[in-house]
Amino acid sequence: MYPRISDLTRDLFGFDFPIDLYAFGLMVAIGILVATAMTRVEVDRRYALGWMKSVRDTVKDDKGREKTVQASPSVLLWNMALMAGGFGVLGAKLFHIIDYWDEFTADPLGMIFSGSGLTVYGGILLGSIAILWYAKKKGVSRAHLADAAAPGLLFAYGIGRIGCYLSGDGDWGVCSSLDDKPGWLPGWLWSETFPNNMLGQMDPVVYNATQRGAECALANPTGVYPTMLYEFAMASVLAGILWVLRKNPFRAGWLISLYAVFAGAERFLIEFIRVNPDAAFGLPQSQIISIGFIIAGVVGLVLTTKRRDDTPGATPEAVPVAA
């Protein structure tokens, strides 16, 4: 594995990268940049269609003098990206501490300052709250902004999972054996040992047993499921579907509702082959939150699956019947 970029450059090119840059942090940054770029395209499209109002922006004229102009809300996206990064990391760390409270109480400083140990849902929730607050402050339609961000948000999640894989940060699955591997599947997609991982190079099967109380029931375990790669694949496909459906005829909020269903279902399913402590009802925290995502998404779809007024066959608004 390559927890630091210098590990990768040393292995491939024989030299150490001059900056101590973590692979996970790099992939998160790439994910934010890609998501912001995708969101910008969709925000500009919605602005051109008149669905989103302009915002005030400061630019310089030919003589270098500043002036205020009306512009697409996309000019605010880089500020939002910075907020997403900062509050996202804070939320991800906070939720990880809650998820692994026993490990935190045993070594609080070690967990707080560790480069690993981030729960994605915490990052999504706190980052989203910060961005929606900022959007309201700037007068940006939060429903249209959320719809515009949905495909990129899911794709960025998948890119972040590649960072987890490269780092070997413990977000792997339960033990697996190549004896059970389907013949058509490459071995590295079924069972991974995560050498040189971020957790002190501990064997992942041993780590699951000693640190998380998940003893392996297989007679001949050869590693663990590389669940990060599965999540990258699922997130990429689902993000592609959202991107295709972004030009749907339904009302604002429909696409982000579908995102919530997709994201919740993906995470709920992957948790069956991951190792996380139960939080309530025999389910880990991530699955409980996933159920909440799915329910919220379904409710949102029910409320927004109505054609916009500017589309053929628009759904009429309900009109009260006079007594």
Protein backbone atom coordinates (compact mmCIF):
# COMPACT_ATOMS: atom_id res chain seq x y z
CA MET A 1 0.00 0.00 0.00
CA TYR A 2 1.00 3.63 -0.36
CA PRO A 3 -0.11 5.66 2.68
CA ARG A 4 2.11 8.54 1.55
CA ILE A 5 2.82 9.74 -1.96
CA SER A 6 6.53 9.23 -1.26
CA ASP A 7 5.82 5.50 -0.83
CA LEU A 8 4.41 5.45 -4.37
CA THR A 9 7.20 7.49 -6.00
CA ARG A 10 9.84 5.42 -4.21
CA ASP A 11 8.31 2.17 -5.44
CA LEU A 12 7.71 3.31 -9.03
CA PHE A 13 10.52 5.79 -9.68
CA GLY A 14 13.09 5.27 -6.94
CA PHE A 15 12.88 8.68 -5.24
CA ASP A 16 11.07 10.22 -2.28
CA PHE A 17 8.43 12.84 -2.95
CA PRO A 18 9.70 16.06 -1.33
CA ILE A 19 6.40 16.80 0.45
CA ASP A 20 5.00 14.52 3.15
CA LEU A 21 1.61 14.15 1.45
CA TYR A 22 -0.87 11.47 2.45
CA ALA A 23 -2.55 9.48 -0.32
CA PHE A 24 -5.93 9.70 1.40
CA GLY A 25 -5.76 13.47 1.71
CA LEU A 26 -4.71 13.78 -1.92
CA MET A 27 -7.62 11.65 -3.14
CA VAL A 28 -10.08 13.61 -0.99
CA ALA A 29 -8.75 16.84 -2.50
CA ILE A 30 -9.07 15.40 -6.01
CA GLY A 31 -12.62 14.29 -5.19
CA ILE A 32 -13.56 17.78 -4.02
CA LEU A 33 -12.07 19.35 -7.16
CA VAL A 34 -13.87 16.92 -9.46
CA ALA A 35 -17.17 17.34 -7.61
CA THR A 36 -16.85 21.13 -7.75
CA ALA A 37 -16.13 21.06 -11.48
CA MET A 38 -19.14 18.81 -12.14
CA THR A 39 -21.37 20.96 -9.96
CA ARG A 40 -20.22 24.10 -11.76
CA VAL A 41 -21.34 22.72 -15.11
CA GLU A 42 -24.80 21.92 -13.79
CA VAL A 43 -25.22 25.15 -11.82
CA ASP A 44 -24.37 27.17 -14.94
CA ARG A 45 -26.90 25.13 -16.95
CA ARG A 46 -29.64 25.74 -14.40
CA TYR A 47 -28.73 29.43 -14.22
CA ALA A 48 -28.93 29.74 -18.01
CA LEU A 49 -32.40 28.19 -17.90
CA GLY A 50 -33.50 30.76 -15.34
CA TRP A 51 -33.95 28.27 -12.50
CA MET A 52 -31.31 29.87 -10.28
CA LYS A 53 -31.00 33.57 -9.51
CA SER A 54 -27.83 35.54 -10.07
CA VAL A 55 -25.54 36.54 -7.22
CA ARG A 56 -23.31 39.56 -6.78
CA ASP A 57 -19.67 39.09 -7.69
CA THR A 58 -16.70 41.44 -7.63
CA VAL A 59 -14.55 41.61 -10.79
CA LYS A 60 -11.89 43.92 -12.18
CA ASP A 61 -12.35 45.92 -15.36
CA ASP A 62 -9.69 46.57 -18.02
CA LYS A 63 -8.13 49.27 -15.83
CA GLY A 64 -7.92 47.07 -12.77
CA ARG A 65 -10.79 48.74 -10.97
CA GLU A 66 -13.16 46.56 -8.97
CA LYS A 67 -16.85 46.57 -9.76
CA THR A 68 -19.86 44.56 -8.70
CA VAL A 69 -21.69 42.49 -11.32
CA GLN A 70 -24.46 39.92 -11.38
CA ALA A 71 -23.16 36.42 -12.08
CA SER A 72 -24.02 32.74 -11.99
CA PRO A 73 -24.07 31.20 -8.49
CA SER A 74 -21.21 28.99 -9.70
CA VAL A 75 -18.79 31.80 -8.73
CA LEU A 76 -19.42 30.80 -5.11
CA LEU A 77 -18.57 27.13 -5.57
CA TRP A 78 -14.88 27.32 -4.71
CA ASN A 79 -15.73 28.97 -1.39
CA MET A 80 -18.22 26.17 -0.83
CA ALA A 81 -15.56 23.59 -1.72
CA LEU A 82 -13.25 24.97 0.97
CA MET A 83 -16.08 24.82 3.48
CA ALA A 84 -16.91 21.27 2.43
CA GLY A 85 -13.29 20.22 2.94
CA GLY A 86 -12.90 21.80 6.36
CA PHE A 87 -16.25 20.93 7.89
CA GLY A 88 -16.26 17.57 6.11
CA VAL A 89 -13.03 16.43 7.77
CA LEU A 90 -14.27 17.69 11.14
CA GLY A 91 -17.56 15.83 10.81
CA ALA A 92 -15.89 12.66 9.54
CA LYS A 93 -13.49 12.60 12.49
CA LEU A 94 -16.29 13.31 14.99
CA PHE A 95 -18.49 10.50 13.69
CA HIS A 96 -15.53 8.09 13.67
CA ILE A 97 -14.86 8.87 17.33
CA ILE A 98 -18.51 8.16 18.14
CA ASP A 99 -18.40 4.94 16.10
CA TYR A 100 -15.24 3.68 17.84
CA TRP A 101 -15.73 5.19 21.29
CA ASP A 102 -13.83 2.42 23.12
CA GLU A 103 -10.77 2.92 20.92
CA PHE A 104 -11.03 6.67 21.45
CA THR A 105 -11.14 6.44 25.24
CA ALA A 106 -8.10 4.14 25.16
CA ASP A 107 -6.03 6.59 23.09
CA PRO A 108 -7.89 9.87 22.50
CA LEU A 109 -4.97 11.92 21.19
CA GLY A 110 -3.82 9.10 18.93
CA MET A 111 -7.23 8.86 17.29
CA ILE A 112 -7.73 12.62 17.00
CA PHE A 113 -4.40 13.24 15.28
CA SER A 114 -4.30 10.03 13.26
CA GLY A 115 -4.33 10.42 9.49
CA SER A 116 -6.82 7.55 9.34
CA GLY A 117 -10.14 7.17 11.10
CA LEU A 118 -12.75 9.16 9.19
CA THR A 119 -16.43 8.24 8.85
CA VAL A 120 -17.72 9.48 5.53
CA TYR A 121 -21.31 10.09 6.62
CA GLY A 122 -20.11 12.52 9.27
CA GLY A 123 -18.24 14.46 6.61
CA ILE A 124 -21.22 14.52 4.26
CA LEU A 125 -23.64 15.67 6.96
CA LEU A 126 -21.54 18.41 8.55
CA GLY A 127 -20.16 19.59 5.20
CA SER A 128 -23.67 19.75 3.73
CA ILE A 129 -25.01 21.73 6.68
CA ALA A 130 -22.22 24.28 6.28
CA ILE A 131 -22.76 24.64 2.53
CA LEU A 132 -26.54 24.94 2.81
CA TRP A 133 -26.13 27.64 5.46
CA TYR A 134 -23.74 29.52 3.16
CA ALA A 135 -26.10 29.13 0.19
CA LYS A 136 -29.01 30.54 2.18
CA LYS A 137 -26.86 33.46 3.29
CA LYS A 138 -26.00 34.23 -0.35
CA GLY A 139 -29.55 33.80 -1.63
CA VAL A 140 -28.81 30.66 -3.67
CA SER A 141 -31.60 28.12 -4.24
CA ARG A 142 -30.61 25.27 -1.95
CA ALA A 143 -32.80 22.72 -3.73
CA HIS A 144 -31.29 23.46 -7.15
CA LEU A 145 -27.78 23.62 -5.66
CA ALA A 146 -28.26 20.23 -4.02
CA ASP A 147 -29.53 18.74 -7.28
CA ALA A 148 -26.57 20.19 -9.17
CA ALA A 149 -24.12 18.76 -6.64
CA ALA A 150 -25.63 15.26 -6.43
CA PRO A 151 -23.67 13.47 -9.21
CA GLY A 152 -20.34 15.00 -8.24
CA LEU A 153 -20.91 14.32 -4.56
CA LEU A 154 -21.39 10.61 -5.15
CA PHE A 155 -18.42 10.40 -7.53
CA ALA A 156 -16.22 12.25 -5.02
CA TYR A 157 -17.21 9.67 -2.41
CA GLY A 158 -15.90 6.93 -4.68
CA ILE A 159 -12.64 8.79 -5.32
CA GLY A 160 -12.17 9.17 -1.58
CA ARG A 161 -12.52 5.40 -1.22
CA ILE A 162 -9.54 4.97 -3.54
CA GLY A 163 -7.61 7.01 -0.97
CA CYS A 164 -8.73 4.58 1.74
CA TYR A 165 -7.52 1.67 -0.39
CA LEU A 166 -4.12 3.19 -1.11
CA SER A 167 -3.63 4.00 2.57
CA GLY A 168 -4.88 0.72 3.96
CA ASP A 169 -6.58 2.70 6.72
CA GLY A 170 -8.74 -0.09 8.13
CA ASP A 171 -11.87 0.51 6.05
CA TRP A 172 -11.55 -2.95 4.61
CA GLY A 173 -14.00 -5.82 4.89
CA VAL A 174 -14.23 -9.11 6.72
CA CYS A 175 -11.80 -11.94 6.04
CA SER A 176 -11.88 -13.69 2.68
CA SER A 177 -10.20 -16.66 1.05
CA LEU A 178 -9.00 -17.13 -2.49
CA ASP A 179 -10.36 -20.68 -2.22
CA ASP A 180 -13.85 -19.19 -2.55
CA LYS A 181 -13.03 -16.73 -5.34
CA PRO A 182 -15.07 -16.95 -8.56
CA GLY A 183 -12.81 -18.04 -11.40
CA TRP A 184 -13.48 -14.96 -13.53
CA LEU A 185 -12.57 -12.46 -10.80
CA PRO A 186 -8.97 -11.21 -10.29
CA GLY A 187 -7.54 -12.25 -6.93
CA TRP A 188 -6.81 -8.67 -5.83
CA LEU A 189 -10.51 -7.86 -6.09
CA TRP A 190 -11.43 -10.70 -3.75
CA SER A 191 -8.74 -10.89 -1.10
CA GLU A 192 -6.17 -8.23 -0.13
CA THR A 193 -3.51 -8.26 2.60
CA PHE A 194 -2.80 -4.50 2.52
CA PRO A 195 0.98 -4.66 3.00
CA ASN A 196 2.67 -1.49 4.29
CA ASN A 197 -0.70 -0.22 5.49
CA MET A 198 -1.29 2.84 7.59
CA LEU A 199 -1.98 0.83 10.76
CA GLY A 200 1.59 -0.21 11.42
CA GLN A 201 1.58 -2.92 8.74
CA MET A 202 -0.63 -5.16 10.89
CA ASP A 203 -2.22 -8.03 9.00
CA PRO A 204 -5.85 -7.01 8.36
CA VAL A 205 -7.25 -10.37 9.48
CA VAL A 206 -5.33 -10.07 12.76
CA TYR A 207 -6.37 -6.42 13.08
CA ASN A 208 -10.05 -7.30 12.69
CA ALA A 209 -9.72 -9.96 15.40
CA THR A 210 -7.58 -8.11 17.94
CA GLN A 211 -8.76 -4.53 17.50
CA ARG A 212 -12.39 -4.98 16.47
CA GLY A 213 -13.34 -8.33 17.96
CA ALA A 214 -14.19 -9.85 14.58
CA GLU A 215 -12.72 -13.34 14.56
CA CYS A 216 -12.39 -14.94 11.14
CA ALA A 217 -14.59 -18.01 10.66
CA LEU A 218 -12.78 -19.20 7.52
CA ALA A 219 -10.35 -22.11 7.70
CA ASN A 220 -7.86 -20.61 5.25
CA PRO A 221 -8.17 -16.81 5.16
CA THR A 222 -5.85 -15.15 2.65
CA GLY A 223 -6.81 -11.54 3.39
CA VAL A 224 -9.88 -9.33 3.58
CA TYR A 225 -12.35 -8.00 1.05
CA PRO A 226 -11.09 -4.74 -0.52
CA THR A 227 -14.47 -3.10 0.05
CA MET A 228 -13.10 0.32 -0.90
CA LEU A 229 -12.78 -0.82 -4.51
CA TYR A 230 -16.33 -2.16 -4.50
CA GLU A 231 -17.57 1.19 -3.23
CA PHE A 232 -15.59 3.07 -5.86
CA ALA A 233 -17.19 0.94 -8.59
CA MET A 234 -20.71 1.33 -7.21
CA ALA A 235 -20.34 5.05 -6.57
CA SER A 236 -18.99 5.64 -10.08
CA VAL A 237 -21.88 3.79 -11.74
CA LEU A 238 -24.51 5.48 -9.58
CA ALA A 239 -22.93 8.91 -10.13
CA GLY A 240 -23.06 8.25 -13.87
CA ILE A 241 -26.77 7.46 -13.62
CA LEU A 242 -27.38 10.69 -11.68
CA TRP A 243 -25.44 12.64 -14.30
CA VAL A 244 -27.60 11.23 -17.08
CA LEU A 245 -30.77 11.97 -15.11
CA ARG A 246 -29.80 15.53 -14.18
CA LYS A 247 -31.95 16.82 -17.08
CA ASN A 248 -35.06 15.20 -15.66
CA PRO A 249 -38.43 16.98 -15.97
CA PHE A 250 -39.16 16.91 -12.24
CA ARG A 251 -39.06 19.62 -9.62
CA ALA A 252 -36.05 20.86 -7.69
CA GLY A 253 -34.99 18.38 -5.03
CA TRP A 254 -35.73 15.27 -7.10
CA LEU A 255 -32.13 14.47 -8.03
CA ILE A 256 -30.70 14.95 -4.53
CA SER A 257 -33.51 12.72 -3.23
CA LEU A 258 -32.47 10.00 -5.67
CA TYR A 259 -28.87 10.54 -4.56
CA ALA A 260 -29.91 9.91 -0.95
CA VAL A 261 -31.54 6.61 -1.94
CA PHE A 262 -28.51 5.54 -3.99
CA ALA A 263 -25.94 6.55 -1.36
CA GLY A 264 -27.91 4.97 1.46
CA ALA A 265 -28.49 1.69 -0.38
CA GLU A 266 -24.86 1.42 -1.46
CA ARG A 267 -23.52 1.94 2.04
CA PHE A 268 -26.16 -0.28 3.67
CA LEU A 269 -25.25 -3.20 1.43
CA ILE A 270 -21.46 -2.86 1.70
CA GLU A 271 -21.67 -2.90 5.51
CA PHE A 272 -22.63 -6.58 5.41
CA ILE A 273 -19.03 -7.43 4.50
CA ARG A 274 -17.32 -4.73 6.58
CA VAL A 275 -16.36 -4.71 10.26
CA ASN A 276 -18.03 -2.06 12.39
CA PRO A 277 -19.40 -2.23 15.96
CA ASP A 278 -23.15 -2.45 16.42
CA ALA A 279 -24.76 0.80 17.53
CA ALA A 280 -28.44 -0.16 17.93
CA PHE A 281 -30.90 -2.85 16.79
CA GLY A 282 -27.95 -5.07 15.89
CA LEU A 283 -26.84 -2.63 13.20
CA PRO A 284 -23.70 -0.47 12.97
CA GLN A 285 -23.99 3.31 12.95
CA SER A 286 -23.42 3.48 9.18
CA GLN A 287 -26.34 1.18 8.38
CA ILE A 288 -28.67 3.10 10.69
CA ILE A 289 -27.71 6.36 8.98
CA SER A 290 -28.09 4.63 5.60
CA ILE A 291 -31.67 3.72 6.45
CA GLY A 292 -32.28 7.35 7.34
CA PHE A 293 -30.82 8.41 3.98
CA ILE A 294 -33.06 5.98 2.11
CA ILE A 295 -36.21 7.03 3.96
CA ALA A 296 -35.45 10.72 3.46
CA GLY A 297 -34.73 10.08 -0.21
CA VAL A 298 -37.96 8.18 -0.79
CA VAL A 299 -39.98 10.92 0.92
CA GLY A 300 -38.19 13.50 -1.22
CA LEU A 301 -38.95 11.56 -4.40
CA VAL A 302 -42.63 11.33 -3.50
CA LEU A 303 -42.78 15.09 -2.93
CA THR A 304 -40.82 16.11 -6.03
CA THR A 305 -41.84 13.59 -8.68
CA LYS A 306 -44.04 16.19 -10.33
CA ARG A 307 -43.29 17.85 -13.63
CA ARG A 308 -42.00 21.40 -13.55
CA ASP A 309 -44.29 24.13 -14.82
CA ASP A 310 -42.02 24.68 -17.85
CA THR A 311 -42.29 21.08 -19.12
CA PRO A 312 -44.99 19.37 -21.21
CA GLY A 313 -47.57 17.70 -19.00
CA ALA A 314 -46.66 19.81 -15.97
CA THR A 315 -48.20 18.61 -12.72
CA PRO A 316 -50.83 21.15 -11.65
CA GLU A 317 -50.66 22.59 -8.17
CA ALA A 318 -53.38 21.43 -5.79
CA VAL A 319 -56.24 23.95 -5.65
CA PRO A 320 -58.40 24.07 -2.49
CA VAL A 321 -62.04 23.22 -3.13
CA ALA A 322 -64.45 25.93 -2.00
CA ALA A 323 -66.87 24.88 0.70
